[in-house]
Each structure stands twice: as structure tokens, then as C-alpha cells.
Amino acid sequence: MVDVLIVGAGPAGVSAALTASARGLSTLWFGSRSLSEKLERAELVRNYPGLPDVSGRDMRDAFLRQVDELGIEILEQRVASIYPLGSSFAACAGTDYFEGRALILATGVHAARSLPGEQELLGHGVSCCATCDGELYRGKRIAIVCEDPSLEDEVAFLADLAETVALFTPFECETPLPGRVERFLGTPTAIVGNGRVEGVEFDGGLMPFDGVFCLRKSVSPQALLQGLETIDGHIVVDRSQRTSIAGCFAAGDCTGRPYQFAKAVGEGNVAAHSAAEYLKSAR
């Protein structure tokens, strides 16, 4: 159990981690040491105060030096789902669970578009986490929509549980899998069901399944933490970066425009201060 779970390592996550450290909070910070693709690819950042015409890579390197000098560790694990537990939050990353009293989401913008029916049936036959929900489909028929080759180990995990598996990928999958896995090149056009998953539409036909796993490198806020209020894919926050769920705060691009590093850093700082105040009042 730690004070704060921080999910996301872009400028907002960096700022939240630095401020949480300065406030003496124990943290678990999930992300990548590359911090963010957006930052790495920025040719020039011209509107960051005090650093005119800095490259994205130079800014990333400066961020990394600062967190390393303070001994702040980045856990390079993908968080697939988060569960509110009343007075704390549990984050599922691979086969591991981590618990914190407060949560800061700095996940950036979710670029992948959900399939029609995916959000409506989330938790009713649709899952984004193989480890969390795989056991529910032991011996059943499932479809897996895998959009990134780095997630093929999760496909293999599910294939060992289910009776039959239909694997849909936009890329040629070369990972050896059990014979019960049938591969399809492409993505379903929709997930269908009336209150519960019934199957997927693919190539103009309906294929029946008991469950559908949508495996992506990044998870939308609604799928990551059910019950989170969003508008147009962005997390709704107030001036203190509080979300609709007590103890959960959000910062950066995931809260909406403008998508700028200066805005993200400021929100990350506010989110960490708000988390500290929340923890103080909860004691």
C-alpha cells in the first residue's frame, strides 16, 4: 500500500511524481522511460517558459535527469485496469496488483477508436485486461482484438484458458499459438449484444462469442476505471483536478485541450497537491 498511484509518464506524470516526492508521499509511478511519444517526437517546443526552442528529446532528457537524481523510479508496466476499493485503488499490471490510497491519471489522449458496442458492453462480456478477466472465460468461446504485437503474450495467456479463440489483428501474427486459435487479418466492425456480448460483426457476418477482449497498448479512461465521468473521451475534472471518483485526480492531455506541455506540467503539480490534501483529510 502506497499513498499515490500515478499512471502515465508524460509531462503531467513527471510533474505529479516530482510534486508527490516533494510532499513526502510514497508513490508507485507507471509508465515508460521514454516518457511519451509526443514528447520524443517534438522537433521544437517554443512555448515552454524559460526553455525557448528546446527539442522534445532534450526536454525528455532533462525530465529524466531530474527524476533520476531524486531517486524516483518509473515502473515500466502497462496498467490495464484500475478498481476503486472504497478507501483505496487497485491497479492491475500484467499479473501484478498494486494498491494506493489515491490515484493520479496522466494517461494522455487515447488515440485508438473504440469499436461500436465496445463501451456499451464493457464489463458485460467486453474486457481490456486478460489477467483480470481471463479466468471468467475458461472453457468458453472468445474473440480477441489485438492491436499491438507487444501484447501477444496476453493472447497466449487467454488461448490457454478458452475453448475456442478467434484472434483479430491488423498485422500478421507470427507467435506460435494453440490449434484452438483461429486467426483473422483485420478488425471486427462492431461488437454486438443486448445487455451482454453475443458476438462480433466481421466481413458482413455475425460470429457468436461469449466474450471479447480488446487488447491495446493504451486503454481509454472509461475502460481503465469504470464509473469515471468523461466528455468526448476526456476526463472531467474541476480546478483541483478532482474527477468524479473520490480520491482520483487527472492531469494533462487526458483532461482536454489545449494539448500543451506547459498545461500538462501545471495540472500534474495541482493534482499531486490535491492528492496530498485528500490523503490528509482522509486520515
C-alpha atoms as a PDB file:
ATOM      1  CA  MET A   1       0.000   0.000   0.000  1.00  0.00           C
ATOM      2  CA  VAL A   2       1.371   3.395  -1.033  1.00  0.00           C
ATOM      3  CA  ASP A   3      -0.049   6.902  -0.804  1.00  0.00           C
ATOM      4  CA  VAL A   4      -0.462   7.571  -4.525  1.00  0.00           C
ATOM      5  CA  LEU A   5      -0.580   5.550  -7.746  1.00  0.00           C
ATOM      6  CA  ILE A   6       0.463   7.645 -10.765  1.00  0.00           C
ATOM      7  CA  VAL A   7      -0.412   6.257 -14.192  1.00  0.00           C
ATOM      8  CA  GLY A   8       1.353   7.886 -17.130  1.00  0.00           C
ATOM      9  CA  ALA A   9       4.869   9.266 -17.596  1.00  0.00           C
ATOM     10  CA  GLY A  10       4.379  12.245 -19.879  1.00  0.00           C
ATOM     11  CA  PRO A  11       4.975  15.804 -18.631  1.00  0.00           C
ATOM     12  CA  ALA A  12       1.891  15.648 -16.384  1.00  0.00           C
ATOM     13  CA  GLY A  13       3.029  12.377 -14.816  1.00  0.00           C
ATOM     14  CA  VAL A  14       6.572  13.715 -14.340  1.00  0.00           C
ATOM     15  CA  SER A  15       5.240  16.842 -12.640  1.00  0.00           C
ATOM     16  CA  ALA A  16       2.904  14.812 -10.406  1.00  0.00           C
ATOM     17  CA  ALA A  17       5.726  12.446  -9.399  1.00  0.00           C
ATOM     18  CA  LEU A  18       8.102  15.321  -8.586  1.00  0.00           C
ATOM     19  CA  THR A  19       5.493  17.145  -6.514  1.00  0.00           C
ATOM     20  CA  ALA A  20       4.401  13.984  -4.702  1.00  0.00           C
ATOM     21  CA  SER A  21       8.031  13.321  -3.818  1.00  0.00           C
ATOM     22  CA  ALA A  22       8.463  16.877  -2.560  1.00  0.00           C
ATOM     23  CA  ARG A  23       5.368  16.456  -0.379  1.00  0.00           C
ATOM     24  CA  GLY A  24       6.792  13.261   1.126  1.00  0.00           C
ATOM     25  CA  LEU A  25       4.189  10.950  -0.392  1.00  0.00           C
ATOM     26  CA  SER A  26       5.024   7.325  -1.177  1.00  0.00           C
ATOM     27  CA  THR A  27       4.240   6.559  -4.804  1.00  0.00           C
ATOM     28  CA  LEU A  28       4.151   3.898  -7.478  1.00  0.00           C
ATOM     29  CA  TRP A  29       4.613   5.524 -10.878  1.00  0.00           C
ATOM     30  CA  PHE A  30       3.720   3.565 -14.028  1.00  0.00           C
ATOM     31  CA  GLY A  31       4.969   4.495 -17.478  1.00  0.00           C
ATOM     32  CA  SER A  32       7.916   4.292 -19.848  1.00  0.00           C
ATOM     33  CA  ARG A  33      11.389   5.766 -19.532  1.00  0.00           C
ATOM     34  CA  SER A  34      10.850   7.246 -22.982  1.00  0.00           C
ATOM     35  CA  LEU A  35       8.193   9.261 -21.090  1.00  0.00           C
ATOM     36  CA  SER A  36       5.895   9.959 -24.058  1.00  0.00           C
ATOM     37  CA  GLU A  37       5.983   9.531 -27.827  1.00  0.00           C
ATOM     38  CA  LYS A  38       4.567  13.034 -28.224  1.00  0.00           C
ATOM     39  CA  LEU A  39       7.485  14.492 -26.262  1.00  0.00           C
ATOM     40  CA  GLU A  40      10.093  12.365 -28.027  1.00  0.00           C
ATOM     41  CA  ARG A  41       8.833  13.340 -31.476  1.00  0.00           C
ATOM     42  CA  ALA A  42       8.537  17.089 -30.835  1.00  0.00           C
ATOM     43  CA  GLU A  43      11.055  18.828 -33.101  1.00  0.00           C
ATOM     44  CA  LEU A  44      10.898  22.128 -31.187  1.00  0.00           C
ATOM     45  CA  VAL A  45       8.920  23.259 -28.148  1.00  0.00           C
ATOM     46  CA  ARG A  46       8.584  27.035 -28.419  1.00  0.00           C
ATOM     47  CA  ASN A  47       6.041  27.894 -25.726  1.00  0.00           C
ATOM     48  CA  TYR A  48       7.546  26.353 -22.586  1.00  0.00           C
ATOM     49  CA  PRO A  49       8.556  29.171 -20.192  1.00  0.00           C
ATOM     50  CA  GLY A  50      12.319  29.554 -19.771  1.00  0.00           C
ATOM     51  CA  LEU A  51      13.196  26.963 -22.431  1.00  0.00           C
ATOM     52  CA  PRO A  52      12.743  28.602 -25.843  1.00  0.00           C
ATOM     53  CA  ASP A  53      13.268  26.360 -28.861  1.00  0.00           C
ATOM     54  CA  VAL A  54      14.116  23.244 -26.845  1.00  0.00           C
ATOM     55  CA  SER A  55      13.748  19.930 -28.646  1.00  0.00           C
ATOM     56  CA  GLY A  56      11.368  17.317 -27.301  1.00  0.00           C
ATOM     57  CA  ARG A  57      14.236  14.884 -26.735  1.00  0.00           C
ATOM     58  CA  ASP A  58      16.262  17.454 -24.810  1.00  0.00           C
ATOM     59  CA  MET A  59      13.242  18.190 -22.625  1.00  0.00           C
ATOM     60  CA  ARG A  60      12.705  14.468 -22.064  1.00  0.00           C
ATOM     61  CA  ASP A  61      16.351  14.005 -21.084  1.00  0.00           C
ATOM     62  CA  ALA A  62      16.118  16.909 -18.636  1.00  0.00           C
ATOM     63  CA  PHE A  63      12.987  15.404 -17.066  1.00  0.00           C
ATOM     64  CA  LEU A  64      14.711  12.019 -16.725  1.00  0.00           C
ATOM     65  CA  ARG A  65      17.815  13.512 -15.124  1.00  0.00           C
ATOM     66  CA  GLN A  66      15.656  15.258 -12.549  1.00  0.00           C
ATOM     67  CA  VAL A  67      13.626  12.210 -11.530  1.00  0.00           C
ATOM     68  CA  ASP A  68      16.742  10.007 -11.503  1.00  0.00           C
ATOM     69  CA  GLU A  69      18.637  12.443  -9.282  1.00  0.00           C
ATOM     70  CA  LEU A  70      15.748  12.303  -6.818  1.00  0.00           C
ATOM     71  CA  GLY A  71      15.637   8.505  -6.946  1.00  0.00           C
ATOM     72  CA  ILE A  72      12.079   8.380  -8.320  1.00  0.00           C
ATOM     73  CA  GLU A  73      11.505   5.063 -10.085  1.00  0.00           C
ATOM     74  CA  ILE A  74       9.329   4.525 -13.154  1.00  0.00           C
ATOM     75  CA  LEU A  75       7.694   1.092 -13.245  1.00  0.00           C
ATOM     76  CA  GLU A  76       7.655   0.092 -16.914  1.00  0.00           C
ATOM     77  CA  GLN A  77       4.448  -1.920 -16.689  1.00  0.00           C
ATOM     78  CA  ARG A  78       1.216  -1.410 -18.593  1.00  0.00           C
ATOM     79  CA  VAL A  79      -1.750  -0.781 -16.311  1.00  0.00           C
ATOM     80  CA  ALA A  80      -4.752  -2.474 -17.927  1.00  0.00           C
ATOM     81  CA  SER A  81      -7.421  -1.773 -15.323  1.00  0.00           C
ATOM     82  CA  ILE A  82      -7.992   0.013 -12.023  1.00  0.00           C
ATOM     83  CA  TYR A  83     -10.565  -0.842  -9.369  1.00  0.00           C
ATOM     84  CA  PRO A  84     -11.815   1.513  -6.639  1.00  0.00           C
ATOM     85  CA  LEU A  85     -11.849  -0.311  -3.286  1.00  0.00           C
ATOM     86  CA  GLY A  86     -13.594   2.308  -1.160  1.00  0.00           C
ATOM     87  CA  SER A  87     -10.632   3.814   0.667  1.00  0.00           C
ATOM     88  CA  SER A  88      -8.019   2.834  -1.930  1.00  0.00           C
ATOM     89  CA  PHE A  89      -7.429   1.839  -5.555  1.00  0.00           C
ATOM     90  CA  ALA A  90      -6.021  -1.394  -7.018  1.00  0.00           C
ATOM     91  CA  ALA A  91      -4.139  -1.265 -10.320  1.00  0.00           C
ATOM     92  CA  CYS A  92      -3.721  -4.409 -12.428  1.00  0.00           C
ATOM     93  CA  ALA A  93      -0.482  -4.519 -14.451  1.00  0.00           C
ATOM     94  CA  GLY A  94       0.231  -7.877 -16.076  1.00  0.00           C
ATOM     95  CA  THR A  95      -0.088 -10.498 -13.334  1.00  0.00           C
ATOM     96  CA  ASP A  96       0.617  -7.969 -10.564  1.00  0.00           C
ATOM     97  CA  TYR A  97      -1.723  -5.872  -8.441  1.00  0.00           C
ATOM     98  CA  PHE A  98      -0.689  -2.624  -6.759  1.00  0.00           C
ATOM     99  CA  GLU A  99      -2.664  -0.628  -4.205  1.00  0.00           C
ATOM    100  CA  GLY A 100      -2.668   3.071  -3.356  1.00  0.00           C
ATOM    101  CA  ARG A 101      -4.829   5.357  -1.240  1.00  0.00           C
ATOM    102  CA  ALA A 102      -5.110   7.942  -4.012  1.00  0.00           C
ATOM    103  CA  LEU A 103      -4.792   7.857  -7.797  1.00  0.00           C
ATOM    104  CA  ILE A 104      -3.495  10.322 -10.394  1.00  0.00           C
ATOM    105  CA  LEU A 105      -4.279   9.604 -14.056  1.00  0.00           C
ATOM    106  CA  ALA A 106      -1.870  11.230 -16.514  1.00  0.00           C
ATOM    107  CA  THR A 107      -2.511   8.871 -19.399  1.00  0.00           C
ATOM    108  CA  GLY A 108      -2.513  11.316 -22.288  1.00  0.00           C
ATOM    109  CA  VAL A 109      -5.004  11.152 -25.118  1.00  0.00           C
ATOM    110  CA  HIS A 110      -6.318   7.730 -26.059  1.00  0.00           C
ATOM    111  CA  ALA A 111      -5.719   7.634 -29.816  1.00  0.00           C
ATOM    112  CA  ALA A 112      -7.377   4.297 -30.627  1.00  0.00           C
ATOM    113  CA  ARG A 113     -11.047   4.463 -31.516  1.00  0.00           C
ATOM    114  CA  SER A 114     -13.375   2.073 -29.700  1.00  0.00           C
ATOM    115  CA  LEU A 115     -15.372  -0.425 -31.723  1.00  0.00           C
ATOM    116  CA  PRO A 116     -19.107   0.209 -31.987  1.00  0.00           C
ATOM    117  CA  GLY A 117     -20.699  -1.526 -28.996  1.00  0.00           C
ATOM    118  CA  GLU A 118     -17.426  -1.765 -27.053  1.00  0.00           C
ATOM    119  CA  GLN A 119     -18.113   0.914 -24.446  1.00  0.00           C
ATOM    120  CA  GLU A 120     -21.763  -0.102 -24.030  1.00  0.00           C
ATOM    121  CA  LEU A 121     -20.822  -3.732 -23.320  1.00  0.00           C
ATOM    122  CA  LEU A 122     -17.712  -3.050 -21.241  1.00  0.00           C
ATOM    123  CA  GLY A 123     -17.969  -5.236 -18.145  1.00  0.00           C
ATOM    124  CA  HIS A 124     -20.755  -7.242 -19.792  1.00  0.00           C
ATOM    125  CA  GLY A 125     -18.641  -9.544 -21.912  1.00  0.00           C
ATOM    126  CA  VAL A 126     -16.106  -6.957 -23.108  1.00  0.00           C
ATOM    127  CA  SER A 127     -12.779  -6.695 -21.274  1.00  0.00           C
ATOM    128  CA  CYS A 128      -9.485  -4.841 -21.794  1.00  0.00           C
ATOM    129  CA  CYS A 129      -7.487  -6.919 -19.290  1.00  0.00           C
ATOM    130  CA  ALA A 130      -6.539 -10.547 -19.961  1.00  0.00           C
ATOM    131  CA  THR A 131      -5.180 -11.187 -16.465  1.00  0.00           C
ATOM    132  CA  CYS A 132      -8.126  -9.564 -14.673  1.00  0.00           C
ATOM    133  CA  ASP A 133     -10.933 -11.319 -16.518  1.00  0.00           C
ATOM    134  CA  GLY A 134      -9.405 -14.278 -18.357  1.00  0.00           C
ATOM    135  CA  GLU A 135     -10.456 -16.855 -15.752  1.00  0.00           C
ATOM    136  CA  LEU A 136     -14.107 -15.859 -16.279  1.00  0.00           C
ATOM    137  CA  TYR A 137     -13.917 -17.330 -19.781  1.00  0.00           C
ATOM    138  CA  ARG A 138     -12.221 -20.644 -19.065  1.00  0.00           C
ATOM    139  CA  GLY A 139     -13.675 -23.217 -21.454  1.00  0.00           C
ATOM    140  CA  LYS A 140     -15.715 -20.599 -23.349  1.00  0.00           C
ATOM    141  CA  ARG A 141     -15.659 -19.069 -26.819  1.00  0.00           C
ATOM    142  CA  ILE A 142     -13.871 -15.730 -27.017  1.00  0.00           C
ATOM    143  CA  ALA A 143     -12.750 -13.201 -29.593  1.00  0.00           C
ATOM    144  CA  ILE A 144      -9.524 -11.252 -29.115  1.00  0.00           C
ATOM    145  CA  VAL A 145      -8.919  -7.963 -30.892  1.00  0.00           C
ATOM    146  CA  CYS A 146      -5.162  -7.359 -30.507  1.00  0.00           C
ATOM    147  CA  GLU A 147      -3.883  -4.099 -31.982  1.00  0.00           C
ATOM    148  CA  ASP A 148      -0.222  -4.281 -30.921  1.00  0.00           C
ATOM    149  CA  PRO A 149       2.324  -7.125 -31.348  1.00  0.00           C
ATOM    150  CA  SER A 150       3.775  -6.420 -27.890  1.00  0.00           C
ATOM    151  CA  LEU A 151       0.563  -7.793 -26.369  1.00  0.00           C
ATOM    152  CA  GLU A 152       0.801 -11.242 -27.961  1.00  0.00           C
ATOM    153  CA  ASP A 153       1.803 -12.756 -24.596  1.00  0.00           C
ATOM    154  CA  GLU A 154      -1.661 -11.828 -23.311  1.00  0.00           C
ATOM    155  CA  VAL A 155      -3.160 -13.561 -26.356  1.00  0.00           C
ATOM    156  CA  ALA A 156      -1.234 -16.722 -25.468  1.00  0.00           C
ATOM    157  CA  PHE A 157      -2.442 -16.495 -21.862  1.00  0.00           C
ATOM    158  CA  LEU A 158      -6.087 -16.304 -22.961  1.00  0.00           C
ATOM    159  CA  ALA A 159      -5.610 -19.069 -25.531  1.00  0.00           C
ATOM    160  CA  ASP A 160      -4.647 -21.463 -22.726  1.00  0.00           C
ATOM    161  CA  LEU A 161      -7.940 -20.754 -20.936  1.00  0.00           C
ATOM    162  CA  ALA A 162     -10.631 -20.605 -23.594  1.00  0.00           C
ATOM    163  CA  GLU A 163     -12.192 -23.479 -25.514  1.00  0.00           C
ATOM    164  CA  THR A 164     -12.004 -21.643 -28.836  1.00  0.00           C
ATOM    165  CA  VAL A 165     -10.397 -18.324 -29.756  1.00  0.00           C
ATOM    166  CA  ALA A 166     -10.794 -16.062 -32.770  1.00  0.00           C
ATOM    167  CA  LEU A 167      -7.829 -13.692 -32.975  1.00  0.00           C
ATOM    168  CA  PHE A 168      -8.299 -10.482 -34.970  1.00  0.00           C
ATOM    169  CA  THR A 169      -5.148  -8.447 -35.715  1.00  0.00           C
ATOM    170  CA  PRO A 170      -4.366  -5.622 -38.164  1.00  0.00           C
ATOM    171  CA  PHE A 171      -0.886  -7.174 -38.558  1.00  0.00           C
ATOM    172  CA  GLU A 172       0.471 -10.606 -39.472  1.00  0.00           C
ATOM    173  CA  CYS A 173       0.775 -12.525 -36.178  1.00  0.00           C
ATOM    174  CA  GLU A 174       3.746 -14.925 -36.100  1.00  0.00           C
ATOM    175  CA  THR A 175       3.616 -16.027 -32.445  1.00  0.00           C
ATOM    176  CA  PRO A 176       3.031 -19.812 -32.124  1.00  0.00           C
ATOM    177  CA  LEU A 177      -0.408 -20.391 -30.604  1.00  0.00           C
ATOM    178  CA  PRO A 178      -2.529 -23.475 -29.798  1.00  0.00           C
ATOM    179  CA  GLY A 179      -4.548 -25.027 -32.597  1.00  0.00           C
ATOM    180  CA  ARG A 180      -7.788 -23.816 -30.996  1.00  0.00           C
ATOM    181  CA  VAL A 181      -6.867 -20.273 -32.103  1.00  0.00           C
ATOM    182  CA  GLU A 182      -8.234 -19.197 -35.485  1.00  0.00           C
ATOM    183  CA  ARG A 183      -6.544 -16.110 -36.904  1.00  0.00           C
ATOM    184  CA  PHE A 184      -8.203 -13.328 -38.886  1.00  0.00           C
ATOM    185  CA  LEU A 185      -6.380 -10.434 -40.520  1.00  0.00           C
ATOM    186  CA  GLY A 186      -8.415  -7.312 -39.847  1.00  0.00           C
ATOM    187  CA  THR A 187     -10.661  -5.871 -37.161  1.00  0.00           C
ATOM    188  CA  PRO A 188     -14.344  -6.534 -36.438  1.00  0.00           C
ATOM    189  CA  THR A 189     -16.701  -3.751 -37.478  1.00  0.00           C
ATOM    190  CA  ALA A 190     -18.738  -3.965 -34.258  1.00  0.00           C
ATOM    191  CA  ILE A 191     -19.325  -5.849 -31.021  1.00  0.00           C
ATOM    192  CA  VAL A 192     -22.972  -6.814 -30.716  1.00  0.00           C
ATOM    193  CA  GLY A 193     -25.223  -7.825 -27.862  1.00  0.00           C
ATOM    194  CA  ASN A 194     -28.326  -6.824 -25.919  1.00  0.00           C
ATOM    195  CA  GLY A 195     -27.048  -6.133 -22.418  1.00  0.00           C
ATOM    196  CA  ARG A 196     -24.450  -8.889 -22.857  1.00  0.00           C
ATOM    197  CA  VAL A 197     -21.931  -9.758 -25.583  1.00  0.00           C
ATOM    198  CA  GLU A 198     -23.384 -12.037 -28.238  1.00  0.00           C
ATOM    199  CA  GLY A 199     -20.644 -11.823 -30.842  1.00  0.00           C
ATOM    200  CA  VAL A 200     -18.812  -9.628 -33.335  1.00  0.00           C
ATOM    201  CA  GLU A 201     -19.541  -8.496 -36.852  1.00  0.00           C
ATOM    202  CA  PHE A 202     -16.791  -9.357 -39.323  1.00  0.00           C
ATOM    203  CA  ASP A 203     -16.785  -9.459 -43.131  1.00  0.00           C
ATOM    204  CA  GLY A 204     -20.513  -8.799 -43.174  1.00  0.00           C
ATOM    205  CA  GLY A 205     -21.433 -11.717 -40.906  1.00  0.00           C
ATOM    206  CA  LEU A 206     -22.096 -12.287 -37.210  1.00  0.00           C
ATOM    207  CA  MET A 207     -19.669 -14.548 -35.323  1.00  0.00           C
ATOM    208  CA  PRO A 208     -21.026 -15.690 -31.912  1.00  0.00           C
ATOM    209  CA  PHE A 209     -18.818 -15.430 -28.785  1.00  0.00           C
ATOM    210  CA  ASP A 210     -19.202 -15.472 -25.012  1.00  0.00           C
ATOM    211  CA  GLY A 211     -16.705 -12.662 -24.536  1.00  0.00           C
ATOM    212  CA  VAL A 212     -14.490 -10.186 -26.391  1.00  0.00           C
ATOM    213  CA  PHE A 213     -11.054  -8.973 -25.250  1.00  0.00           C
ATOM    214  CA  CYS A 214      -9.838  -5.693 -26.748  1.00  0.00           C
ATOM    215  CA  LEU A 215      -6.070  -5.539 -26.214  1.00  0.00           C
ATOM    216  CA  ARG A 216      -4.424  -2.194 -26.979  1.00  0.00           C
ATOM    217  CA  LYS A 217      -1.195  -0.516 -25.951  1.00  0.00           C
ATOM    218  CA  SER A 218      -3.196   2.247 -24.282  1.00  0.00           C
ATOM    219  CA  VAL A 219      -6.556   1.950 -22.575  1.00  0.00           C
ATOM    220  CA  SER A 220      -9.293   4.569 -22.741  1.00  0.00           C
ATOM    221  CA  PRO A 221     -10.123   6.292 -19.436  1.00  0.00           C
ATOM    222  CA  GLN A 222     -13.611   4.750 -19.347  1.00  0.00           C
ATOM    223  CA  ALA A 223     -12.179   1.245 -19.795  1.00  0.00           C
ATOM    224  CA  LEU A 224      -9.312   1.834 -17.369  1.00  0.00           C
ATOM    225  CA  LEU A 225     -11.547   2.929 -14.488  1.00  0.00           C
ATOM    226  CA  GLN A 226     -15.252   2.263 -14.815  1.00  0.00           C
ATOM    227  CA  GLY A 227     -17.552   4.973 -13.482  1.00  0.00           C
ATOM    228  CA  LEU A 228     -15.172   7.773 -14.460  1.00  0.00           C
ATOM    229  CA  GLU A 229     -17.060  10.714 -15.946  1.00  0.00           C
ATOM    230  CA  THR A 230     -15.804  11.711 -19.391  1.00  0.00           C
ATOM    231  CA  ILE A 231     -16.877  14.058 -22.180  1.00  0.00           C
ATOM    232  CA  ASP A 232     -15.724  13.400 -25.750  1.00  0.00           C
ATOM    233  CA  GLY A 233     -13.112  10.956 -24.450  1.00  0.00           C
ATOM    234  CA  HIS A 234     -11.628  13.420 -21.948  1.00  0.00           C
ATOM    235  CA  ILE A 235     -11.774  13.020 -18.155  1.00  0.00           C
ATOM    236  CA  VAL A 236     -13.968  15.607 -16.452  1.00  0.00           C
ATOM    237  CA  VAL A 237     -12.064  17.454 -13.693  1.00  0.00           C
ATOM    238  CA  ASP A 238     -12.532  20.548 -11.552  1.00  0.00           C
ATOM    239  CA  ARG A 239      -9.971  23.270 -10.814  1.00  0.00           C
ATOM    240  CA  SER A 240      -8.282  20.971  -8.274  1.00  0.00           C
ATOM    241  CA  GLN A 241      -8.014  18.171 -10.890  1.00  0.00           C
ATOM    242  CA  ARG A 242     -10.572  16.085  -8.977  1.00  0.00           C
ATOM    243  CA  THR A 243     -12.529  13.575 -11.065  1.00  0.00           C
ATOM    244  CA  SER A 244     -15.999  12.138 -10.473  1.00  0.00           C
ATOM    245  CA  ILE A 245     -14.463   9.417  -8.255  1.00  0.00           C
ATOM    246  CA  ALA A 246     -13.284  10.404  -4.778  1.00  0.00           C
ATOM    247  CA  GLY A 247      -9.526  10.082  -4.390  1.00  0.00           C
ATOM    248  CA  CYS A 248      -8.915  10.031  -8.145  1.00  0.00           C
ATOM    249  CA  PHE A 249      -7.298  13.002  -9.878  1.00  0.00           C
ATOM    250  CA  ALA A 250      -6.351  13.552 -13.523  1.00  0.00           C
ATOM    251  CA  ALA A 251      -3.906  15.811 -15.351  1.00  0.00           C
ATOM    252  CA  GLY A 252      -2.540  16.541 -18.802  1.00  0.00           C
ATOM    253  CA  ASP A 253      -3.922  15.813 -22.248  1.00  0.00           C
ATOM    254  CA  CYS A 254      -6.395  13.273 -20.830  1.00  0.00           C
ATOM    255  CA  THR A 255      -8.382  16.180 -19.302  1.00  0.00           C
ATOM    256  CA  GLY A 256      -8.789  18.008 -22.612  1.00  0.00           C
ATOM    257  CA  ARG A 257      -7.353  20.839 -24.668  1.00  0.00           C
ATOM    258  CA  PRO A 258      -5.026  22.612 -25.028  1.00  0.00           C
ATOM    259  CA  TYR A 259      -2.657  19.685 -25.585  1.00  0.00           C
ATOM    260  CA  GLN A 260       0.448  21.564 -24.432  1.00  0.00           C
ATOM    261  CA  PHE A 261       3.357  20.567 -22.211  1.00  0.00           C
ATOM    262  CA  ALA A 262       3.099  23.681 -20.037  1.00  0.00           C
ATOM    263  CA  LYS A 263      -0.561  22.986 -19.292  1.00  0.00           C
ATOM    264  CA  ALA A 264       0.186  19.328 -18.529  1.00  0.00           C
ATOM    265  CA  VAL A 265       3.006  20.170 -16.109  1.00  0.00           C
ATOM    266  CA  GLY A 266       0.809  22.664 -14.258  1.00  0.00           C
ATOM    267  CA  GLU A 267      -2.067  20.212 -13.932  1.00  0.00           C
ATOM    268  CA  GLY A 268       0.260  17.454 -12.724  1.00  0.00           C
ATOM    269  CA  ASN A 269       1.501  19.747  -9.966  1.00  0.00           C
ATOM    270  CA  VAL A 270      -2.053  20.662  -8.924  1.00  0.00           C
ATOM    271  CA  ALA A 271      -3.165  17.010  -8.991  1.00  0.00           C
ATOM    272  CA  ALA A 272      -0.358  15.966  -6.630  1.00  0.00           C
ATOM    273  CA  HIS A 273      -1.131  18.805  -4.214  1.00  0.00           C
ATOM    274  CA  SER A 274      -4.819  17.864  -4.297  1.00  0.00           C
ATOM    275  CA  ALA A 275      -3.970  14.214  -3.666  1.00  0.00           C
ATOM    276  CA  ALA A 276      -1.896  15.247  -0.650  1.00  0.00           C
ATOM    277  CA  GLU A 277      -4.806  17.272   0.727  1.00  0.00           C
ATOM    278  CA  TYR A 278      -7.188  14.370   0.108  1.00  0.00           C
ATOM    279  CA  LEU A 279      -4.927  11.944   1.978  1.00  0.00           C
ATOM    280  CA  LYS A 280      -4.591  14.402   4.862  1.00  0.00           C
ATOM    281  CA  SER A 281      -8.366  14.774   5.202  1.00  0.00           C
ATOM    282  CA  ALA A 282      -8.926  11.001   4.882  1.00  0.00           C
ATOM    283  CA  ARG A 283      -6.753  10.163   7.876  1.00  0.00           C
END
